[in-house]
Amino acid sequence: MATPTSRNAATLAATLLTATVALYIALVAFGNITDFGTNQQFVRHVLAMDTTFKDDDLMWRAVTSKGLQDAAYVVIIAWETLAALVLGCGTWLWVRRDDERARRFSTYGLLMLMVLFGAGFIAIGGEWFSMWQSKDWNGLEAATRVFLLSGVVLVVVQLTGDRSAT
């Protein structure tokens, strides 16, 4: 565990940025739980590909089962909620000055978000389900924003590591 005198600006930045992302994703998950229908429609339209160019070579990818669409949405919400909890734990560990564990938890939580927004929304939603073609149901800009924010915070978190071992 780090001593109070060994704390620096990078550690403070990691603490505050981890807390910021934890708050953000907690609010996203809370919003998706309390206003389930809004983003449920988003997920349904993206998976159904009903606002894309309807290219016959791509439409076989569409998922039109409302049950499968809703199951995907519930998995997204569960993933967001778990990421918020992991990042909250990371924040708490930063505050308690347990830097090694804080770095580990923060890294896990940030990677969870990068997987969700990078692989889930940008790659699968954006490319596989051609979300980029939709004028109404295109979340690529928002997903890119969260992916990049998480990546920047991940770099800051990693900068707090013990560099004397290298």
N, C-alpha and C. Protein backbone atom coordinates (compact mmCIF):
# COMPACT_ATOMS: atom_id res chain seq x y z
N MET A 1 0.85 -1.16 0.00
CA MET A 1 0.00 0.00 0.00
C MET A 1 0.90 1.23 0.00
N ALA A 2 0.51 2.25 -0.77
CA ALA A 2 1.30 3.47 -0.87
C ALA A 2 1.19 4.28 0.41
N THR A 3 2.26 4.96 0.73
CA THR A 3 2.23 5.86 1.88
C THR A 3 1.67 7.21 1.44
N PRO A 4 1.13 8.00 2.38
CA PRO A 4 0.56 9.29 2.00
C PRO A 4 1.55 10.20 1.28
N THR A 5 2.83 10.11 1.60
CA THR A 5 3.81 10.98 0.97
C THR A 5 4.14 10.54 -0.45
N SER A 6 3.82 9.32 -0.81
CA SER A 6 4.14 8.85 -2.16
C SER A 6 3.01 9.12 -3.16
N ARG A 7 1.92 9.69 -2.68
CA ARG A 7 0.80 10.02 -3.57
C ARG A 7 1.20 11.20 -4.44
N ASN A 8 0.73 11.21 -5.66
CA ASN A 8 1.09 12.29 -6.56
C ASN A 8 -0.11 12.72 -7.40
N ALA A 9 0.14 13.61 -8.33
CA ALA A 9 -0.93 14.14 -9.17
C ALA A 9 -1.56 13.04 -10.04
N ALA A 10 -0.76 12.10 -10.51
CA ALA A 10 -1.30 11.02 -11.33
C ALA A 10 -2.29 10.17 -10.53
N THR A 11 -1.99 9.94 -9.27
CA THR A 11 -2.89 9.17 -8.42
C THR A 11 -4.18 9.93 -8.16
N LEU A 12 -4.06 11.23 -7.92
CA LEU A 12 -5.25 12.05 -7.75
C LEU A 12 -6.09 12.04 -9.03
N ALA A 13 -5.43 12.16 -10.17
CA ALA A 13 -6.14 12.12 -11.45
C ALA A 13 -6.83 10.78 -11.64
N ALA A 14 -6.14 9.70 -11.32
CA ALA A 14 -6.73 8.37 -11.47
C ALA A 14 -7.95 8.22 -10.57
N THR A 15 -7.86 8.74 -9.36
CA THR A 15 -8.98 8.66 -8.42
C THR A 15 -10.19 9.42 -8.96
N LEU A 16 -9.97 10.67 -9.34
CA LEU A 16 -11.08 11.51 -9.79
C LEU A 16 -11.66 11.05 -11.12
N LEU A 17 -10.81 10.62 -12.02
CA LEU A 17 -11.30 10.16 -13.32
C LEU A 17 -12.03 8.83 -13.21
N THR A 18 -11.52 7.93 -12.37
CA THR A 18 -12.24 6.67 -12.14
C THR A 18 -13.60 6.96 -11.53
N ALA A 19 -13.65 7.86 -10.58
CA ALA A 19 -14.92 8.24 -9.95
C ALA A 19 -15.88 8.85 -10.97
N THR A 20 -15.35 9.66 -11.87
CA THR A 20 -16.18 10.29 -12.90
C THR A 20 -16.81 9.26 -13.82
N VAL A 21 -16.00 8.30 -14.28
CA VAL A 21 -16.53 7.27 -15.17
C VAL A 21 -17.48 6.35 -14.41
N ALA A 22 -17.18 6.07 -13.15
CA ALA A 22 -18.09 5.25 -12.32
C ALA A 22 -19.44 5.94 -12.19
N LEU A 23 -19.42 7.23 -11.92
CA LEU A 23 -20.67 7.99 -11.81
C LEU A 23 -21.42 7.98 -13.13
N TYR A 24 -20.71 8.24 -14.21
CA TYR A 24 -21.34 8.27 -15.53
C TYR A 24 -22.04 6.96 -15.85
N ILE A 25 -21.33 5.84 -15.72
CA ILE A 25 -21.92 4.56 -16.13
C ILE A 25 -23.00 4.12 -15.14
N ALA A 26 -22.88 4.53 -13.88
CA ALA A 26 -23.94 4.24 -12.90
C ALA A 26 -25.22 4.99 -13.30
N LEU A 27 -25.08 6.23 -13.74
CA LEU A 27 -26.24 6.99 -14.20
C LEU A 27 -26.83 6.42 -15.49
N VAL A 28 -25.98 5.93 -16.37
CA VAL A 28 -26.46 5.28 -17.60
C VAL A 28 -27.26 4.04 -17.24
N ALA A 29 -26.70 3.20 -16.38
CA ALA A 29 -27.40 1.97 -15.97
C ALA A 29 -28.70 2.31 -15.25
N PHE A 30 -28.66 3.28 -14.34
CA PHE A 30 -29.86 3.71 -13.62
C PHE A 30 -30.93 4.20 -14.60
N GLY A 31 -30.53 5.00 -15.56
CA GLY A 31 -31.47 5.48 -16.56
C GLY A 31 -32.07 4.35 -17.38
N ASN A 32 -31.26 3.38 -17.75
CA ASN A 32 -31.76 2.24 -18.52
C ASN A 32 -32.71 1.37 -17.71
N ILE A 33 -32.49 1.32 -16.41
CA ILE A 33 -33.37 0.53 -15.54
C ILE A 33 -34.68 1.28 -15.29
N THR A 34 -34.58 2.57 -14.96
CA THR A 34 -35.79 3.33 -14.59
C THR A 34 -36.58 3.82 -15.80
N ASP A 35 -35.94 3.94 -16.95
CA ASP A 35 -36.62 4.33 -18.19
C ASP A 35 -36.32 3.25 -19.23
N PHE A 36 -36.71 2.05 -18.90
CA PHE A 36 -36.36 0.86 -19.67
C PHE A 36 -36.74 0.98 -21.15
N GLY A 37 -37.89 1.56 -21.42
CA GLY A 37 -38.42 1.56 -22.77
C GLY A 37 -37.66 2.39 -23.78
N THR A 38 -37.02 3.47 -23.34
CA THR A 38 -36.35 4.36 -24.30
C THR A 38 -35.23 3.65 -25.04
N ASN A 39 -34.25 3.15 -24.31
CA ASN A 39 -33.14 2.47 -24.98
C ASN A 39 -33.50 1.05 -25.42
N GLN A 40 -34.59 0.52 -24.87
CA GLN A 40 -35.08 -0.76 -25.37
C GLN A 40 -35.44 -0.61 -26.85
N GLN A 41 -36.09 0.49 -27.18
CA GLN A 41 -36.44 0.75 -28.58
C GLN A 41 -35.20 0.91 -29.43
N PHE A 42 -34.19 1.56 -28.88
CA PHE A 42 -32.93 1.73 -29.60
C PHE A 42 -32.33 0.37 -29.95
N VAL A 43 -32.23 -0.49 -28.94
CA VAL A 43 -31.64 -1.82 -29.15
C VAL A 43 -32.48 -2.61 -30.15
N ARG A 44 -33.79 -2.54 -30.01
CA ARG A 44 -34.66 -3.27 -30.94
C ARG A 44 -34.46 -2.82 -32.39
N HIS A 45 -34.39 -1.53 -32.60
CA HIS A 45 -34.23 -1.02 -33.97
C HIS A 45 -32.86 -1.37 -34.55
N VAL A 46 -31.82 -1.27 -33.72
CA VAL A 46 -30.48 -1.62 -34.21
C VAL A 46 -30.43 -3.09 -34.59
N LEU A 47 -30.91 -3.96 -33.70
CA LEU A 47 -30.84 -5.40 -33.98
C LEU A 47 -31.76 -5.80 -35.14
N ALA A 48 -32.90 -5.15 -35.26
CA ALA A 48 -33.83 -5.47 -36.35
C ALA A 48 -33.35 -4.90 -37.68
N MET A 49 -32.43 -3.95 -37.64
CA MET A 49 -31.90 -3.31 -38.83
C MET A 49 -33.01 -2.70 -39.69
N ASP A 50 -34.07 -2.23 -39.04
CA ASP A 50 -35.23 -1.76 -39.78
C ASP A 50 -35.12 -0.31 -40.26
N THR A 51 -34.03 0.37 -39.88
CA THR A 51 -33.82 1.73 -40.40
C THR A 51 -32.51 1.83 -41.16
N THR A 52 -31.99 0.69 -41.63
CA THR A 52 -30.78 0.68 -42.45
C THR A 52 -31.19 0.69 -43.92
N PHE A 53 -30.21 0.55 -44.79
CA PHE A 53 -30.48 0.59 -46.24
C PHE A 53 -31.23 -0.64 -46.74
N LYS A 54 -31.42 -1.63 -45.88
CA LYS A 54 -32.14 -2.88 -46.19
C LYS A 54 -31.52 -3.64 -47.37
N ASP A 55 -30.23 -3.67 -47.40
CA ASP A 55 -29.48 -4.40 -48.41
C ASP A 55 -29.70 -5.90 -48.19
N ASP A 56 -30.16 -6.60 -49.20
CA ASP A 56 -30.44 -8.03 -49.08
C ASP A 56 -29.22 -8.84 -48.66
N ASP A 57 -28.04 -8.35 -49.01
CA ASP A 57 -26.81 -9.06 -48.64
C ASP A 57 -26.51 -8.93 -47.14
N LEU A 58 -27.15 -7.99 -46.46
CA LEU A 58 -26.90 -7.77 -45.03
C LEU A 58 -28.08 -8.13 -44.14
N MET A 59 -29.28 -8.07 -44.66
CA MET A 59 -30.47 -8.19 -43.82
C MET A 59 -30.61 -9.56 -43.16
N TRP A 60 -29.90 -10.55 -43.62
CA TRP A 60 -29.96 -11.86 -42.97
C TRP A 60 -29.40 -11.79 -41.54
N ARG A 61 -28.64 -10.72 -41.26
CA ARG A 61 -28.06 -10.55 -39.92
C ARG A 61 -29.08 -10.05 -38.90
N ALA A 62 -30.17 -9.50 -39.36
CA ALA A 62 -31.14 -8.87 -38.47
C ALA A 62 -31.70 -9.86 -37.45
N VAL A 63 -31.87 -9.37 -36.23
CA VAL A 63 -32.51 -10.14 -35.16
C VAL A 63 -33.87 -9.49 -34.93
N THR A 64 -34.92 -10.21 -35.31
CA THR A 64 -36.26 -9.61 -35.22
C THR A 64 -37.08 -10.13 -34.04
N SER A 65 -36.58 -11.11 -33.35
CA SER A 65 -37.27 -11.63 -32.18
C SER A 65 -37.20 -10.62 -31.04
N LYS A 66 -38.35 -10.15 -30.60
CA LYS A 66 -38.38 -9.19 -29.49
C LYS A 66 -37.79 -9.79 -28.22
N GLY A 67 -37.98 -11.08 -28.02
CA GLY A 67 -37.41 -11.76 -26.86
C GLY A 67 -35.89 -11.71 -26.87
N LEU A 68 -35.28 -12.00 -28.03
CA LEU A 68 -33.82 -11.94 -28.14
C LEU A 68 -33.31 -10.51 -28.04
N GLN A 69 -34.05 -9.58 -28.64
CA GLN A 69 -33.67 -8.17 -28.55
C GLN A 69 -33.68 -7.70 -27.10
N ASP A 70 -34.74 -8.05 -26.38
CA ASP A 70 -34.86 -7.64 -24.98
C ASP A 70 -33.82 -8.33 -24.11
N ALA A 71 -33.51 -9.59 -24.42
CA ALA A 71 -32.46 -10.30 -23.67
C ALA A 71 -31.12 -9.60 -23.86
N ALA A 72 -30.82 -9.17 -25.09
CA ALA A 72 -29.58 -8.45 -25.35
C ALA A 72 -29.53 -7.15 -24.55
N TYR A 73 -30.66 -6.46 -24.48
CA TYR A 73 -30.73 -5.20 -23.73
C TYR A 73 -30.51 -5.43 -22.24
N VAL A 74 -31.10 -6.48 -21.70
CA VAL A 74 -30.92 -6.80 -20.28
C VAL A 74 -29.45 -7.13 -20.00
N VAL A 75 -28.80 -7.86 -20.90
CA VAL A 75 -27.37 -8.17 -20.73
C VAL A 75 -26.55 -6.88 -20.75
N ILE A 76 -26.89 -5.95 -21.63
CA ILE A 76 -26.19 -4.66 -21.68
C ILE A 76 -26.34 -3.93 -20.34
N ILE A 77 -27.55 -3.87 -19.83
CA ILE A 77 -27.80 -3.18 -18.55
C ILE A 77 -27.04 -3.87 -17.42
N ALA A 78 -27.05 -5.18 -17.39
CA ALA A 78 -26.32 -5.92 -16.35
C ALA A 78 -24.82 -5.63 -16.44
N TRP A 79 -24.28 -5.60 -17.65
CA TRP A 79 -22.86 -5.32 -17.87
C TRP A 79 -22.52 -3.89 -17.40
N GLU A 80 -23.38 -2.93 -17.75
CA GLU A 80 -23.18 -1.55 -17.31
C GLU A 80 -23.20 -1.45 -15.78
N THR A 81 -24.16 -2.13 -15.18
CA THR A 81 -24.29 -2.10 -13.72
C THR A 81 -23.07 -2.71 -13.05
N LEU A 82 -22.62 -3.84 -13.56
CA LEU A 82 -21.43 -4.49 -13.00
C LEU A 82 -20.19 -3.59 -13.17
N ALA A 83 -20.06 -2.97 -14.34
CA ALA A 83 -18.92 -2.07 -14.57
C ALA A 83 -18.97 -0.90 -13.59
N ALA A 84 -20.15 -0.36 -13.34
CA ALA A 84 -20.30 0.75 -12.39
C ALA A 84 -19.87 0.31 -11.00
N LEU A 85 -20.26 -0.89 -10.61
CA LEU A 85 -19.87 -1.40 -9.28
C LEU A 85 -18.36 -1.62 -9.19
N VAL A 86 -17.78 -2.17 -10.23
CA VAL A 86 -16.33 -2.41 -10.23
C VAL A 86 -15.58 -1.08 -10.17
N LEU A 87 -16.03 -0.10 -10.95
CA LEU A 87 -15.39 1.21 -10.94
C LEU A 87 -15.62 1.94 -9.61
N GLY A 88 -16.79 1.74 -9.02
CA GLY A 88 -17.05 2.31 -7.70
C GLY A 88 -16.11 1.71 -6.66
N CYS A 89 -15.90 0.43 -6.75
CA CYS A 89 -14.96 -0.25 -5.85
C CYS A 89 -13.54 0.29 -6.09
N GLY A 90 -13.18 0.45 -7.36
CA GLY A 90 -11.87 1.02 -7.68
C GLY A 90 -11.71 2.41 -7.09
N THR A 91 -12.75 3.23 -7.20
CA THR A 91 -12.71 4.58 -6.63
C THR A 91 -12.50 4.52 -5.12
N TRP A 92 -13.26 3.66 -4.47
CA TRP A 92 -13.15 3.50 -3.02
C TRP A 92 -11.73 3.07 -2.62
N LEU A 93 -11.16 2.19 -3.38
CA LEU A 93 -9.80 1.73 -3.09
C LEU A 93 -8.77 2.85 -3.32
N TRP A 94 -8.99 3.68 -4.33
CA TRP A 94 -8.09 4.85 -4.52
C TRP A 94 -8.17 5.75 -3.30
N VAL A 95 -9.40 6.02 -2.86
CA VAL A 95 -9.59 6.90 -1.70
C VAL A 95 -8.93 6.31 -0.46
N ARG A 96 -9.01 5.01 -0.30
CA ARG A 96 -8.40 4.33 0.86
C ARG A 96 -6.90 4.17 0.71
N ARG A 97 -6.36 4.59 -0.42
CA ARG A 97 -4.92 4.55 -0.71
C ARG A 97 -4.38 3.13 -0.89
N ASP A 98 -5.24 2.27 -1.34
CA ASP A 98 -4.83 0.90 -1.68
C ASP A 98 -4.60 0.89 -3.19
N ASP A 99 -3.51 1.54 -3.60
CA ASP A 99 -3.30 1.86 -5.01
C ASP A 99 -3.21 0.63 -5.92
N GLU A 100 -2.56 -0.41 -5.47
CA GLU A 100 -2.41 -1.59 -6.32
C GLU A 100 -3.76 -2.21 -6.65
N ARG A 101 -4.58 -2.42 -5.63
CA ARG A 101 -5.92 -2.99 -5.87
C ARG A 101 -6.81 -1.99 -6.61
N ALA A 102 -6.66 -0.71 -6.30
CA ALA A 102 -7.45 0.32 -6.98
C ALA A 102 -7.14 0.30 -8.48
N ARG A 103 -5.88 0.20 -8.82
CA ARG A 103 -5.46 0.15 -10.22
C ARG A 103 -6.06 -1.08 -10.90
N ARG A 104 -6.04 -2.21 -10.21
CA ARG A 104 -6.57 -3.45 -10.78
C ARG A 104 -8.08 -3.33 -11.02
N PHE A 105 -8.84 -2.88 -10.01
CA PHE A 105 -10.28 -2.76 -10.16
C PHE A 105 -10.64 -1.72 -11.21
N SER A 106 -9.94 -0.59 -11.20
CA SER A 106 -10.20 0.45 -12.19
C SER A 106 -9.94 -0.08 -13.59
N THR A 107 -8.85 -0.80 -13.74
CA THR A 107 -8.51 -1.37 -15.05
C THR A 107 -9.60 -2.33 -15.51
N TYR A 108 -10.05 -3.20 -14.63
CA TYR A 108 -11.11 -4.14 -15.01
C TYR A 108 -12.38 -3.41 -15.43
N GLY A 109 -12.80 -2.43 -14.63
CA GLY A 109 -14.02 -1.69 -14.94
C GLY A 109 -13.91 -0.92 -16.25
N LEU A 110 -12.78 -0.27 -16.46
CA LEU A 110 -12.59 0.49 -17.69
C LEU A 110 -12.53 -0.43 -18.91
N LEU A 111 -11.88 -1.58 -18.76
CA LEU A 111 -11.86 -2.55 -19.87
C LEU A 111 -13.25 -3.10 -20.15
N MET A 112 -14.05 -3.27 -19.10
CA MET A 112 -15.43 -3.72 -19.32
C MET A 112 -16.19 -2.71 -20.19
N LEU A 113 -15.98 -1.43 -19.93
CA LEU A 113 -16.65 -0.41 -20.73
C LEU A 113 -16.10 -0.37 -22.15
N MET A 114 -14.80 -0.54 -22.29
CA MET A 114 -14.21 -0.53 -23.63
C MET A 114 -14.68 -1.72 -24.45
N VAL A 115 -14.87 -2.85 -23.81
CA VAL A 115 -15.41 -4.02 -24.51
C VAL A 115 -16.86 -3.77 -24.90
N LEU A 116 -17.66 -3.26 -23.97
CA LEU A 116 -19.07 -3.01 -24.26
C LEU A 116 -19.24 -1.99 -25.38
N PHE A 117 -18.57 -0.85 -25.24
CA PHE A 117 -18.78 0.21 -26.22
C PHE A 117 -17.96 0.01 -27.48
N GLY A 118 -16.78 -0.61 -27.37
CA GLY A 118 -15.95 -0.87 -28.55
C GLY A 118 -16.41 -2.08 -29.33
N ALA A 119 -16.39 -3.23 -28.67
CA ALA A 119 -16.79 -4.46 -29.36
C ALA A 119 -18.31 -4.52 -29.53
N GLY A 120 -19.04 -4.16 -28.47
CA GLY A 120 -20.50 -4.28 -28.51
C GLY A 120 -21.17 -3.28 -29.42
N PHE A 121 -20.96 -1.99 -29.14
CA PHE A 121 -21.69 -0.97 -29.87
C PHE A 121 -21.02 -0.56 -31.18
N ILE A 122 -19.70 -0.33 -31.15
CA ILE A 122 -19.02 0.14 -32.37
C ILE A 122 -18.87 -1.00 -33.38
N ALA A 123 -18.33 -2.14 -32.94
CA ALA A 123 -18.08 -3.24 -33.88
C ALA A 123 -19.37 -4.00 -34.23
N ILE A 124 -20.03 -4.55 -33.22
CA ILE A 124 -21.20 -5.39 -33.50
C ILE A 124 -22.39 -4.54 -33.94
N GLY A 125 -22.75 -3.53 -33.12
CA GLY A 125 -23.87 -2.68 -33.50
C GLY A 125 -23.60 -1.88 -34.76
N GLY A 126 -22.43 -1.23 -34.78
CA GLY A 126 -22.10 -0.34 -35.88
C GLY A 126 -21.85 -1.04 -37.19
N GLU A 127 -21.10 -2.11 -37.15
CA GLU A 127 -20.72 -2.80 -38.39
C GLU A 127 -21.60 -4.02 -38.69
N TRP A 128 -21.70 -4.94 -37.75
CA TRP A 128 -22.46 -6.16 -38.02
C TRP A 128 -23.93 -5.84 -38.29
N PHE A 129 -24.52 -4.98 -37.46
CA PHE A 129 -25.93 -4.63 -37.64
C PHE A 129 -26.10 -3.31 -38.39
N SER A 130 -25.01 -2.82 -38.98
CA SER A 130 -25.03 -1.64 -39.86
C SER A 130 -25.70 -0.42 -39.23
N MET A 131 -25.48 -0.21 -37.95
CA MET A 131 -26.08 0.93 -37.27
C MET A 131 -25.66 2.24 -37.93
N TRP A 132 -24.48 2.27 -38.53
CA TRP A 132 -23.98 3.48 -39.17
C TRP A 132 -24.90 3.95 -40.30
N GLN A 133 -25.71 3.06 -40.83
CA GLN A 133 -26.61 3.43 -41.93
C GLN A 133 -27.87 4.14 -41.46
N SER A 134 -28.16 4.08 -40.18
CA SER A 134 -29.42 4.63 -39.67
C SER A 134 -29.27 6.11 -39.29
N LYS A 135 -30.20 6.91 -39.77
CA LYS A 135 -30.24 8.32 -39.37
C LYS A 135 -30.88 8.47 -38.00
N ASP A 136 -31.79 7.57 -37.65
CA ASP A 136 -32.56 7.69 -36.41
C ASP A 136 -31.97 6.91 -35.23
N TRP A 137 -31.35 5.78 -35.49
CA TRP A 137 -30.90 4.89 -34.40
C TRP A 137 -29.41 4.60 -34.54
N ASN A 138 -28.61 5.66 -34.56
CA ASN A 138 -27.17 5.53 -34.72
C ASN A 138 -26.48 6.02 -33.45
N GLY A 139 -25.94 5.10 -32.69
CA GLY A 139 -25.28 5.45 -31.44
C GLY A 139 -23.77 5.43 -31.51
N LEU A 140 -23.22 5.46 -32.73
CA LEU A 140 -21.77 5.34 -32.86
C LEU A 140 -21.02 6.52 -32.24
N GLU A 141 -21.55 7.71 -32.36
CA GLU A 141 -20.87 8.88 -31.79
C GLU A 141 -20.79 8.77 -30.27
N ALA A 142 -21.90 8.42 -29.65
CA ALA A 142 -21.93 8.27 -28.19
C ALA A 142 -21.03 7.12 -27.75
N ALA A 143 -21.06 6.01 -28.47
CA ALA A 143 -20.22 4.86 -28.12
C ALA A 143 -18.74 5.21 -28.24
N THR A 144 -18.39 5.93 -29.29
CA THR A 144 -17.00 6.34 -29.47
C THR A 144 -16.55 7.25 -28.35
N ARG A 145 -17.42 8.14 -27.93
CA ARG A 145 -17.11 9.06 -26.83
C ARG A 145 -16.79 8.27 -25.54
N VAL A 146 -17.62 7.30 -25.20
CA VAL A 146 -17.40 6.52 -23.98
C VAL A 146 -16.16 5.64 -24.12
N PHE A 147 -15.97 5.06 -25.30
CA PHE A 147 -14.79 4.23 -25.55
C PHE A 147 -13.51 5.04 -25.36
N LEU A 148 -13.47 6.23 -25.94
CA LEU A 148 -12.27 7.06 -25.84
C LEU A 148 -12.07 7.59 -24.42
N LEU A 149 -13.14 8.01 -23.76
CA LEU A 149 -13.03 8.46 -22.38
C LEU A 149 -12.46 7.35 -21.51
N SER A 150 -12.99 6.15 -21.66
CA SER A 150 -12.51 5.01 -20.86
C SER A 150 -11.05 4.72 -21.16
N GLY A 151 -10.67 4.83 -22.43
CA GLY A 151 -9.28 4.59 -22.81
C GLY A 151 -8.32 5.61 -22.22
N VAL A 152 -8.72 6.88 -22.23
CA VAL A 152 -7.88 7.93 -21.64
C VAL A 152 -7.72 7.70 -20.14
N VAL A 153 -8.82 7.39 -19.48
CA VAL A 153 -8.76 7.13 -18.03
C VAL A 153 -7.91 5.90 -17.75
N LEU A 154 -8.01 4.88 -18.59
CA LEU A 154 -7.18 3.68 -18.42
C LEU A 154 -5.69 4.03 -18.51
N VAL A 155 -5.32 4.89 -19.43
CA VAL A 155 -3.91 5.31 -19.54
C VAL A 155 -3.48 6.03 -18.26
N VAL A 156 -4.32 6.93 -17.77
CA VAL A 156 -3.98 7.64 -16.53
C VAL A 156 -3.83 6.66 -15.37
N VAL A 157 -4.75 5.72 -15.28
CA VAL A 157 -4.69 4.71 -14.20
C VAL A 157 -3.38 3.93 -14.30
N GLN A 158 -2.99 3.57 -15.50
CA GLN A 158 -1.75 2.80 -15.67
C GLN A 158 -0.51 3.63 -15.35
N LEU A 159 -0.59 4.94 -15.52
CA LEU A 159 0.55 5.81 -15.21
C LEU A 159 0.86 5.86 -13.72
N THR A 160 -0.09 5.41 -12.89
CA THR A 160 0.14 5.41 -11.44
C THR A 160 0.95 4.20 -11.00
N GLY A 161 1.23 3.29 -11.91
CA GLY A 161 1.93 2.05 -11.55
C GLY A 161 3.37 2.31 -11.12
N ASP A 162 3.93 1.34 -10.43
CA ASP A 162 5.31 1.40 -9.96
C ASP A 162 6.24 1.22 -11.14
N ARG A 163 6.91 2.28 -11.53
CA ARG A 163 7.81 2.23 -12.68
C ARG A 163 9.24 1.83 -12.28
N SER A 164 9.47 1.67 -11.00
CA SER A 164 10.82 1.29 -10.56
C SER A 164 11.13 -0.17 -10.90
N ALA A 165 10.08 -0.96 -11.14
CA ALA A 165 10.26 -2.38 -11.45
C ALA A 165 10.67 -2.58 -12.90
N THR A 166 10.55 -1.53 -13.73
CA THR A 166 10.89 -1.69 -15.16
C THR A 166 12.29 -1.27 -15.47
